[in-house]
N, C-alpha and C. Protein backbone atom coordinates (compact mmCIF):
# COMPACT_ATOMS: atom_id res chain seq x y z
N MET A 1 4.39 125.64 48.67
CA MET A 1 5.35 125.88 48.60
C MET A 1 6.70 126.78 47.73
N ARG A 2 5.94 125.83 46.47
CA ARG A 2 7.08 125.56 45.99
C ARG A 2 7.59 127.37 45.37
N GLN A 3 5.87 127.75 45.33
CA GLN A 3 6.25 129.49 44.97
C GLN A 3 6.81 130.41 45.80
N SER A 4 6.61 130.08 47.46
CA SER A 4 6.84 130.84 48.38
C SER A 4 7.78 130.48 48.97
N LYS A 5 8.43 128.97 49.17
CA LYS A 5 9.60 129.00 49.84
C LYS A 5 10.71 128.49 48.30
N VAL A 6 10.93 127.58 47.91
CA VAL A 6 11.55 127.65 46.99
C VAL A 6 11.89 128.45 45.77
N LYS A 7 11.07 128.60 45.11
CA LYS A 7 11.24 129.62 43.88
C LYS A 7 12.43 131.19 44.46
N PRO A 8 12.03 131.70 45.52
CA PRO A 8 13.34 132.55 46.00
C PRO A 8 14.38 132.31 46.23
N LEU A 9 14.68 131.27 46.54
CA LEU A 9 15.74 130.72 46.58
C LEU A 9 16.18 130.13 45.20
N LEU A 10 15.72 129.89 44.14
CA LEU A 10 16.68 129.38 42.80
C LEU A 10 16.68 130.34 42.17
N ASP A 11 15.81 131.97 42.25
CA ASP A 11 16.54 132.57 42.06
C ASP A 11 17.53 133.28 41.90
N GLU A 12 17.67 133.45 43.88
CA GLU A 12 19.31 133.70 44.25
C GLU A 12 20.09 132.88 43.72
N VAL A 13 19.92 131.86 43.75
CA VAL A 13 21.23 130.91 43.17
C VAL A 13 21.52 131.29 41.78
N TYR A 14 20.08 131.24 40.78
CA TYR A 14 20.82 131.85 39.39
C TYR A 14 21.06 133.43 39.49
N GLU A 15 20.49 134.32 40.19
CA GLU A 15 21.17 135.63 40.47
C GLU A 15 23.25 135.71 40.91
N ILE A 16 23.17 134.74 41.45
CA ILE A 16 24.55 134.28 42.30
C ILE A 16 25.54 134.07 40.79
N ILE A 17 25.22 133.02 40.35
CA ILE A 17 25.49 132.60 39.19
C ILE A 17 25.58 133.86 37.43
N SER A 18 24.81 134.44 37.69
CA SER A 18 24.81 135.19 36.83
C SER A 18 26.18 136.39 36.60
N THR A 19 26.94 136.69 38.26
CA THR A 19 27.64 137.70 38.19
C THR A 19 29.07 136.82 38.15
N LEU A 20 28.99 134.88 38.17
CA LEU A 20 30.19 134.41 38.18
C LEU A 20 30.98 134.81 36.69
N ARG A 21 32.31 135.12 36.55
CA ARG A 21 32.93 135.09 35.24
C ARG A 21 33.98 133.38 35.34
N PRO A 22 33.69 132.45 35.24
CA PRO A 22 35.22 131.45 35.56
C PRO A 22 35.93 132.03 34.26
N SER A 23 37.27 130.93 34.13
CA SER A 23 38.16 130.87 33.04
C SER A 23 37.66 130.23 31.79
N LYS A 24 37.44 130.08 30.48
CA LYS A 24 37.03 129.38 29.52
C LYS A 24 37.43 128.06 30.03
N GLY A 25 36.66 127.13 29.51
CA GLY A 25 37.12 125.55 29.94
C GLY A 25 37.29 124.76 31.22
N SER A 26 36.98 125.68 31.67
CA SER A 26 36.82 125.21 33.79
C SER A 26 35.92 124.42 33.92
N ALA A 27 36.22 124.06 35.04
CA ALA A 27 35.44 122.84 35.83
C ALA A 27 34.26 123.76 35.84
N LEU A 28 34.19 124.78 36.78
CA LEU A 28 33.06 125.82 36.89
C LEU A 28 32.69 126.49 35.85
N GLY A 29 32.94 126.75 34.93
CA GLY A 29 32.36 127.27 33.29
C GLY A 29 31.69 126.09 33.34
N THR A 30 31.78 125.08 33.46
CA THR A 30 31.15 123.56 32.65
C THR A 30 29.86 123.60 33.70
N ALA A 31 30.12 123.79 35.41
CA ALA A 31 29.40 123.97 36.06
C ALA A 31 28.10 124.74 35.45
N ILE A 32 28.51 126.30 35.42
CA ILE A 32 27.86 127.46 35.20
C ILE A 32 26.68 126.97 33.68
N THR A 33 27.23 126.85 32.89
CA THR A 33 26.77 126.50 31.61
C THR A 33 25.58 125.56 32.04
N TYR A 34 26.27 124.05 32.22
CA TYR A 34 24.92 122.92 32.33
C TYR A 34 23.64 123.60 33.13
N ALA A 35 24.35 124.61 34.07
CA ALA A 35 22.81 125.40 35.30
C ALA A 35 21.96 126.13 34.32
N LEU A 36 22.53 126.83 33.49
CA LEU A 36 22.21 128.43 32.86
C LEU A 36 21.10 127.21 31.85
N ASN A 37 21.94 126.29 30.98
CA ASN A 37 20.75 125.48 29.77
C ASN A 37 19.66 124.45 30.90
N GLN A 38 19.93 123.98 31.71
CA GLN A 38 18.53 123.67 32.60
C GLN A 38 17.82 124.13 33.58
N LYS A 39 18.54 125.62 33.32
CA LYS A 39 17.32 126.51 34.35
C LYS A 39 15.95 126.28 34.05
N GLU A 40 15.37 126.48 32.63
CA GLU A 40 13.77 126.27 32.14
C GLU A 40 13.42 124.97 32.26
N LYS A 41 14.21 123.67 32.66
CA LYS A 41 13.32 122.37 32.72
C LYS A 41 13.62 122.48 34.46
N LEU A 42 14.80 122.82 35.35
CA LEU A 42 14.39 123.15 36.56
C LEU A 42 13.47 123.94 37.24
N TYR A 43 12.76 125.20 36.76
CA TYR A 43 11.46 125.80 36.75
C TYR A 43 10.80 125.12 36.46
N LEU A 44 10.62 124.27 35.60
CA LEU A 44 9.45 123.89 35.49
C LEU A 44 8.59 123.08 36.77
N PHE A 45 9.43 122.52 37.61
CA PHE A 45 8.47 121.96 38.64
C PHE A 45 7.60 122.90 39.52
N LEU A 46 7.89 124.13 39.38
CA LEU A 46 7.67 124.65 40.32
C LEU A 46 6.08 125.54 40.53
N SER A 47 5.77 125.31 38.75
CA SER A 47 4.64 125.58 38.44
C SER A 47 3.82 124.85 37.95
N ASN A 48 4.19 123.14 37.97
CA ASN A 48 3.51 121.40 37.38
C ASN A 48 3.63 121.03 38.86
N PRO A 49 2.37 120.78 39.75
CA PRO A 49 2.43 119.89 40.60
C PRO A 49 3.02 118.17 40.25
N LYS A 50 2.82 117.97 39.00
CA LYS A 50 3.16 116.57 38.95
C LYS A 50 4.23 116.15 38.25
N VAL A 51 5.89 117.74 38.62
CA VAL A 51 6.70 117.23 38.54
C VAL A 51 7.54 117.04 39.81
N GLU A 52 7.69 115.76 39.95
CA GLU A 52 8.78 115.62 42.04
C GLU A 52 9.51 116.57 42.00
N MET A 53 9.89 117.33 42.89
CA MET A 53 10.73 117.90 43.57
C MET A 53 12.33 117.39 43.95
N THR A 54 12.13 116.00 43.50
CA THR A 54 13.72 114.99 43.46
C THR A 54 12.95 114.00 42.70
N ASN A 55 14.34 113.63 42.53
CA ASN A 55 14.63 111.88 41.79
C ASN A 55 14.34 111.23 42.38
N ASN A 56 14.41 111.03 43.53
CA ASN A 56 14.02 109.65 44.52
C ASN A 56 13.77 108.40 43.95
N LEU A 57 12.12 108.79 43.18
CA LEU A 57 11.67 107.63 42.56
C LEU A 57 12.92 107.48 41.15
N ALA A 58 13.09 107.81 40.52
CA ALA A 58 14.40 107.57 39.52
C ALA A 58 15.56 106.84 40.02
N GLU A 59 15.99 107.11 41.85
CA GLU A 59 16.81 106.62 41.92
C GLU A 59 16.38 105.42 42.68
N ARG A 60 15.46 105.30 43.15
CA ARG A 60 14.97 103.81 43.47
C ARG A 60 14.69 103.15 42.72
N THR A 61 14.16 103.36 41.32
CA THR A 61 13.74 102.57 40.40
C THR A 61 15.17 101.61 39.78
N VAL A 62 16.41 103.13 39.65
CA VAL A 62 17.43 102.17 39.06
C VAL A 62 18.25 101.46 39.84
N LYS A 63 18.09 101.60 41.79
CA LYS A 63 19.13 101.01 42.31
C LYS A 63 19.63 99.38 42.36
N PRO A 64 18.06 98.69 41.96
CA PRO A 64 18.46 97.41 41.57
C PRO A 64 18.90 97.23 40.63
N TYR A 65 19.17 97.88 39.22
CA TYR A 65 20.20 97.63 38.35
C TYR A 65 21.72 97.80 38.62
N VAL A 66 22.03 99.25 39.27
CA VAL A 66 23.71 99.36 39.65
C VAL A 66 23.70 98.41 40.72
N ILE A 67 22.54 97.52 41.70
CA ILE A 67 23.41 96.67 42.55
C ILE A 67 24.01 95.53 41.97
N ASN A 68 23.09 95.11 40.73
CA ASN A 68 23.05 94.24 39.54
C ASN A 68 24.40 93.72 38.85
N ARG A 69 24.29 95.33 38.15
CA ARG A 69 25.86 95.64 37.50
C ARG A 69 26.71 94.78 37.05
N LYS A 70 27.44 94.06 38.50
CA LYS A 70 28.24 93.46 38.35
C LYS A 70 28.32 92.47 38.05
N ASN A 71 26.81 91.53 38.66
CA ASN A 71 26.65 90.06 38.50
C ASN A 71 26.23 89.90 37.05
N PHE A 72 26.12 91.19 36.36
CA PHE A 72 25.91 90.88 34.80
C PHE A 72 27.44 90.63 34.05
N LEU A 73 28.21 91.00 34.69
CA LEU A 73 29.66 91.28 33.98
C LEU A 73 30.30 89.66 34.20
N PHE A 74 29.30 88.50 34.94
CA PHE A 74 29.65 87.65 34.82
C PHE A 74 28.92 86.83 34.17
N SER A 75 27.91 86.91 33.18
CA SER A 75 26.85 85.97 32.60
C SER A 75 28.17 85.73 31.46
N ASP A 76 27.92 84.61 30.79
CA ASP A 76 28.68 83.98 30.18
C ASP A 76 28.63 84.46 28.45
N THR A 77 27.65 84.95 27.90
CA THR A 77 27.78 86.05 26.58
C THR A 77 27.05 86.81 27.14
N GLU A 78 27.10 87.79 25.87
CA GLU A 78 26.03 88.85 26.04
C GLU A 78 24.90 89.14 25.52
N ASN A 79 24.19 87.71 25.13
CA ASN A 79 22.67 87.62 25.12
C ASN A 79 22.63 87.10 26.73
N GLY A 80 23.01 86.65 27.52
CA GLY A 80 23.07 86.36 28.75
C GLY A 80 22.69 87.44 29.54
N ALA A 81 23.44 88.20 29.43
CA ALA A 81 23.75 89.57 30.19
C ALA A 81 22.35 90.93 29.66
N ALA A 82 22.08 90.44 28.28
CA ALA A 82 20.88 91.10 27.83
C ALA A 82 20.09 90.45 28.38
N ALA A 83 19.61 89.47 28.26
CA ALA A 83 18.48 88.42 29.23
C ALA A 83 18.08 88.78 30.33
N SER A 84 19.13 88.71 31.54
CA SER A 84 19.12 88.96 33.04
C SER A 84 18.39 90.63 32.83
N ALA A 85 19.25 91.57 31.84
CA ALA A 85 18.82 92.76 31.73
C ALA A 85 16.90 93.03 31.39
N ALA A 86 16.63 92.22 31.03
CA ALA A 86 15.76 92.45 30.08
C ALA A 86 14.55 91.54 31.58
N VAL A 87 15.04 90.78 31.99
CA VAL A 87 14.16 90.17 33.23
C VAL A 87 13.97 91.52 34.41
N MET A 88 15.71 91.22 34.71
CA MET A 88 15.44 93.09 35.45
C MET A 88 13.93 94.54 35.24
N SER A 89 14.28 94.37 33.89
CA SER A 89 12.98 95.51 33.49
C SER A 89 11.81 94.47 33.52
N ILE A 90 11.17 93.55 33.04
CA ILE A 90 10.30 93.30 33.67
C ILE A 90 9.96 93.18 35.15
N ILE A 91 10.45 92.97 35.86
CA ILE A 91 10.59 92.94 36.88
C ILE A 91 10.33 94.44 37.55
N GLU A 92 11.06 94.96 37.46
CA GLU A 92 10.97 96.64 37.75
C GLU A 92 9.61 97.42 37.36
N THR A 93 9.30 97.02 36.14
CA THR A 93 8.17 97.64 35.41
C THR A 93 6.87 96.57 36.02
N ALA A 94 6.93 95.54 36.34
CA ALA A 94 5.44 95.19 37.38
C ALA A 94 5.49 96.05 38.53
N LYS A 95 6.44 96.29 39.39
CA LYS A 95 6.23 96.62 41.07
C LYS A 95 5.77 98.29 40.54
N ARG A 96 6.31 98.92 39.44
CA ARG A 96 5.60 100.32 38.87
C ARG A 96 4.12 100.28 39.14
N ASN A 97 4.11 99.00 38.35
CA ASN A 97 2.88 98.76 38.00
C ASN A 97 1.73 98.47 39.28
N ASN A 98 2.23 98.08 40.57
CA ASN A 98 1.19 97.68 41.67
C ASN A 98 0.67 95.51 41.31
N LEU A 99 1.83 95.12 40.58
CA LEU A 99 1.81 93.93 40.23
C LEU A 99 2.68 93.23 41.45
N ASP A 100 1.97 91.54 41.50
CA ASP A 100 2.40 90.80 41.90
C ASP A 100 3.56 90.30 40.97
N VAL A 101 4.66 90.16 41.92
CA VAL A 101 6.11 90.43 40.00
C VAL A 101 5.94 88.87 40.54
N TYR A 102 5.80 87.57 41.09
CA TYR A 102 5.69 86.62 41.63
C TYR A 102 4.55 86.14 40.36
N GLY A 103 3.52 86.60 40.49
CA GLY A 103 2.49 86.27 39.56
C GLY A 103 2.84 86.60 38.16
N TYR A 104 2.81 87.65 37.54
CA TYR A 104 3.21 88.79 36.95
C TYR A 104 4.08 87.27 36.10
N LEU A 105 5.53 87.44 36.39
CA LEU A 105 6.19 86.73 35.65
C LEU A 105 5.70 84.75 35.36
N PHE A 106 5.06 84.74 36.05
CA PHE A 106 4.35 82.97 36.44
C PHE A 106 3.44 83.18 34.70
N TYR A 107 2.58 84.17 34.84
CA TYR A 107 2.14 84.29 33.69
C TYR A 107 2.58 84.36 32.97
N LEU A 108 3.53 85.01 32.26
CA LEU A 108 4.06 85.43 31.21
C LEU A 108 4.81 84.25 30.69
N LEU A 109 5.52 83.85 31.73
CA LEU A 109 6.08 82.11 31.43
C LEU A 109 5.37 81.22 31.50
N THR A 110 4.55 81.40 31.58
CA THR A 110 3.31 79.96 31.03
C THR A 110 2.78 80.30 29.92
N LEU A 111 2.21 81.69 29.39
CA LEU A 111 1.57 82.22 28.39
C LEU A 111 2.15 82.13 27.19
N MET A 112 3.40 82.77 27.18
CA MET A 112 4.40 82.95 26.17
C MET A 112 4.66 81.57 25.33
N PRO A 113 5.33 80.64 25.76
CA PRO A 113 6.06 79.94 25.44
C PRO A 113 4.63 79.41 24.10
N GLU A 114 2.96 79.18 24.48
CA GLU A 114 2.68 78.60 23.33
C GLU A 114 1.83 80.08 22.23
N TRP A 115 2.52 81.18 22.41
CA TRP A 115 2.73 81.71 21.21
C TRP A 115 3.94 81.35 20.00
N ASP A 116 3.00 81.95 18.69
CA ASP A 116 4.26 81.92 18.22
C ASP A 116 5.76 82.62 17.90
N LYS A 117 6.65 82.32 17.06
CA LYS A 117 7.94 83.12 17.29
C LYS A 117 7.76 84.89 17.32
N ASN A 118 6.50 85.33 16.51
CA ASN A 118 6.42 86.53 16.10
C ASN A 118 4.72 87.00 16.32
N PRO A 119 4.75 87.55 18.00
CA PRO A 119 3.50 87.54 18.62
C PRO A 119 3.28 89.09 17.60
N THR A 120 1.44 89.14 17.99
CA THR A 120 0.87 89.85 17.06
C THR A 120 0.92 90.79 18.48
N GLN A 121 0.35 91.93 18.27
CA GLN A 121 0.55 93.08 18.61
C GLN A 121 0.05 92.98 20.19
N ILE A 122 -1.16 92.54 19.31
CA ILE A 122 -2.67 92.26 20.45
C ILE A 122 -2.15 91.54 21.29
N GLN A 123 -1.95 90.46 21.06
CA GLN A 123 -1.37 89.55 22.16
C GLN A 123 -0.31 89.97 23.01
N LEU A 124 0.65 91.10 22.74
CA LEU A 124 1.77 91.74 23.37
C LEU A 124 1.49 92.61 23.98
N ASP A 125 0.37 93.79 23.67
CA ASP A 125 -0.45 94.09 24.91
C ASP A 125 -1.52 93.61 25.39
N SER A 126 -2.13 92.25 25.60
CA SER A 126 -2.33 91.67 26.73
C SER A 126 -2.14 91.44 27.97
N VAL A 127 -0.05 91.54 27.61
CA VAL A 127 0.03 91.01 28.85
C VAL A 127 1.18 92.75 28.90
N MET A 128 0.93 93.49 29.33
CA MET A 128 1.31 95.10 29.46
C MET A 128 1.06 94.74 30.90
N PRO A 129 1.82 95.08 31.69
CA PRO A 129 1.55 95.58 32.99
C PRO A 129 0.46 96.66 33.03
N TRP A 130 -0.21 97.14 32.72
CA TRP A 130 -1.22 98.02 32.30
C TRP A 130 -2.44 97.24 32.09
N SER A 131 -2.72 96.16 31.90
CA SER A 131 -3.74 95.38 30.40
C SER A 131 -4.54 95.48 31.88
N LEU A 132 -5.78 95.36 31.28
CA LEU A 132 -6.91 95.63 32.12
C LEU A 132 -7.16 93.61 31.51
N THR A 133 -6.88 92.83 31.15
CA THR A 133 -6.80 91.41 30.64
C THR A 133 -6.00 90.84 31.66
N LEU A 134 -5.34 91.47 31.93
CA LEU A 134 -4.46 90.24 33.09
C LEU A 134 -5.28 89.39 34.10
N PRO A 135 -5.23 88.54 34.54
CA PRO A 135 -5.80 87.55 35.79
C PRO A 135 -5.37 88.18 36.86
N ALA A 136 -6.24 87.92 38.00
CA ALA A 136 -6.83 88.89 38.87
C ALA A 136 -5.38 88.22 40.11
N TYR A 137 -3.87 87.08 39.69
CA TYR A 137 -3.51 86.91 41.04
C TYR A 137 -2.36 87.77 40.48
N CYS A 138 -2.25 88.86 39.04
CA CYS A 138 -1.43 88.99 39.04
C CYS A 138 -1.16 90.46 39.45
N ARG A 139 -2.30 90.62 39.41
CA ARG A 139 -2.61 92.11 40.46
C ARG A 139 -2.76 92.35 42.45
N GLN A 140 -2.14 91.12 43.04
CA GLN A 140 -3.15 91.00 44.17
C GLN A 140 -1.78 90.30 44.90
N MET A 141 -1.65 90.56 45.58
CA MET A 141 -0.38 89.63 46.46
C MET A 141 -0.45 88.35 46.90
N TYR A 142 0.08 87.58 47.01
CA TYR A 142 -0.14 85.86 47.08
C TYR A 142 -1.14 85.65 48.57
N SER A 143 -0.87 86.64 49.28
CA SER A 143 -1.43 86.98 50.68
C SER A 143 -2.94 87.64 51.01
N GLU A 144 -2.96 88.38 49.83
CA GLU A 144 -4.22 88.78 49.55
C GLU A 144 -5.24 87.12 49.08
N ILE A 145 -4.46 86.96 48.26
CA ILE A 145 -5.52 86.36 47.08
C ILE A 145 -5.83 84.86 48.54
N GLN A 146 -4.74 84.51 48.71
CA GLN A 146 -5.02 83.30 50.03
C GLN A 146 -6.71 83.53 51.33
N GLN A 147 -6.00 85.15 51.56
CA GLN A 147 -7.60 85.06 52.05
C GLN A 147 -8.60 84.85 51.55
N LYS A 148 -8.95 84.98 50.37
CA LYS A 148 -10.14 85.07 49.31
C LYS A 148 -10.58 83.41 49.18
N GLU A 149 -11.33 82.85 49.51
CA GLU A 149 -11.71 81.52 49.73
C GLU A 149 -12.54 80.86 47.90
N ASP A 150 -13.22 82.40 47.93
CA ASP A 150 -13.72 82.13 46.27
C ASP A 150 -12.76 81.91 45.22
N CYS A 151 -11.98 82.09 45.71
CA CYS A 151 -11.29 82.22 44.30
C CYS A 151 -9.29 81.38 44.22
N SER A 152 -9.20 80.73 46.12
CA SER A 152 -8.50 79.94 46.24
C SER A 152 -7.88 78.92 45.16
N ALA A 153 -9.39 77.95 44.67
CA ALA A 153 -9.44 77.08 44.22
C ALA A 153 -8.45 77.20 42.68
N ASP A 154 -9.46 78.50 42.35
CA ASP A 154 -8.73 79.00 41.05
C ASP A 154 -6.91 79.23 40.92
N ILE A 155 -6.47 80.22 41.75
CA ILE A 155 -5.06 80.07 41.58
C ILE A 155 -4.71 79.16 42.17
N ILE A 156 -4.81 78.13 42.98
CA ILE A 156 -4.14 76.68 43.29
C ILE A 156 -3.94 76.13 41.98
N ASN A 157 -4.99 76.05 41.37
CA ASN A 157 -5.21 75.32 39.98
C ASN A 157 -4.13 76.25 38.66
N VAL A 158 -3.91 77.54 38.81
CA VAL A 158 -3.17 78.77 37.48
C VAL A 158 -1.27 78.12 38.52
N PHE A 159 -1.17 78.17 39.58
CA PHE A 159 0.07 78.43 39.87
C PHE A 159 0.53 76.49 39.90
N THR A 160 -0.03 75.38 40.27
CA THR A 160 0.32 74.48 39.95
C THR A 160 0.20 73.51 38.33
N ARG A 161 -0.08 74.62 37.51
CA ARG A 161 -0.73 73.93 36.18
C ARG A 161 0.40 73.04 35.65
N GLY A 162 0.81 72.15 35.08
CA GLY A 162 1.60 71.54 34.52
C GLY A 162 2.47 70.81 35.61
N VAL A 163 2.22 71.24 36.68
CA VAL A 163 3.40 69.99 37.49
C VAL A 163 2.71 69.55 37.98
N LYS A 164 3.20 68.28 38.16
CA LYS A 164 2.76 67.01 38.42
C LYS A 164 3.31 66.34 39.45
């Protein structure tokens, strides 16, 4: 479909662009220069099926940051805003890796305080969202975990650890 339907349209757009002669410094001139500079990258998706035809995934990933941008303005300090952004980044990365966000945050917030101030690369690698060493409750939604009787006690113990 990309080669048969989209390529002819792109070719036609660039053929029209090549005939335009905008005045120097105009907005149209800037747009044409940008389009010509991006041509090779734009055509890449025609031959590589791994390249998405839209930027919807990027837009959906950025949306929570855009929504929370105004909230960050009300952080008392720059460090508070940076911390909020870091937490948002962890949450979005967990989502992109199909983790249970609550379980993953719970795991991080119970494990990492036990580390020294300068964790080793091995420690950091072990908590990355793609790490194979993450506990099962990070990889499953709470509703899925509840359905498995054999691990329910373990999960309850993990979620109530330290709670009196």
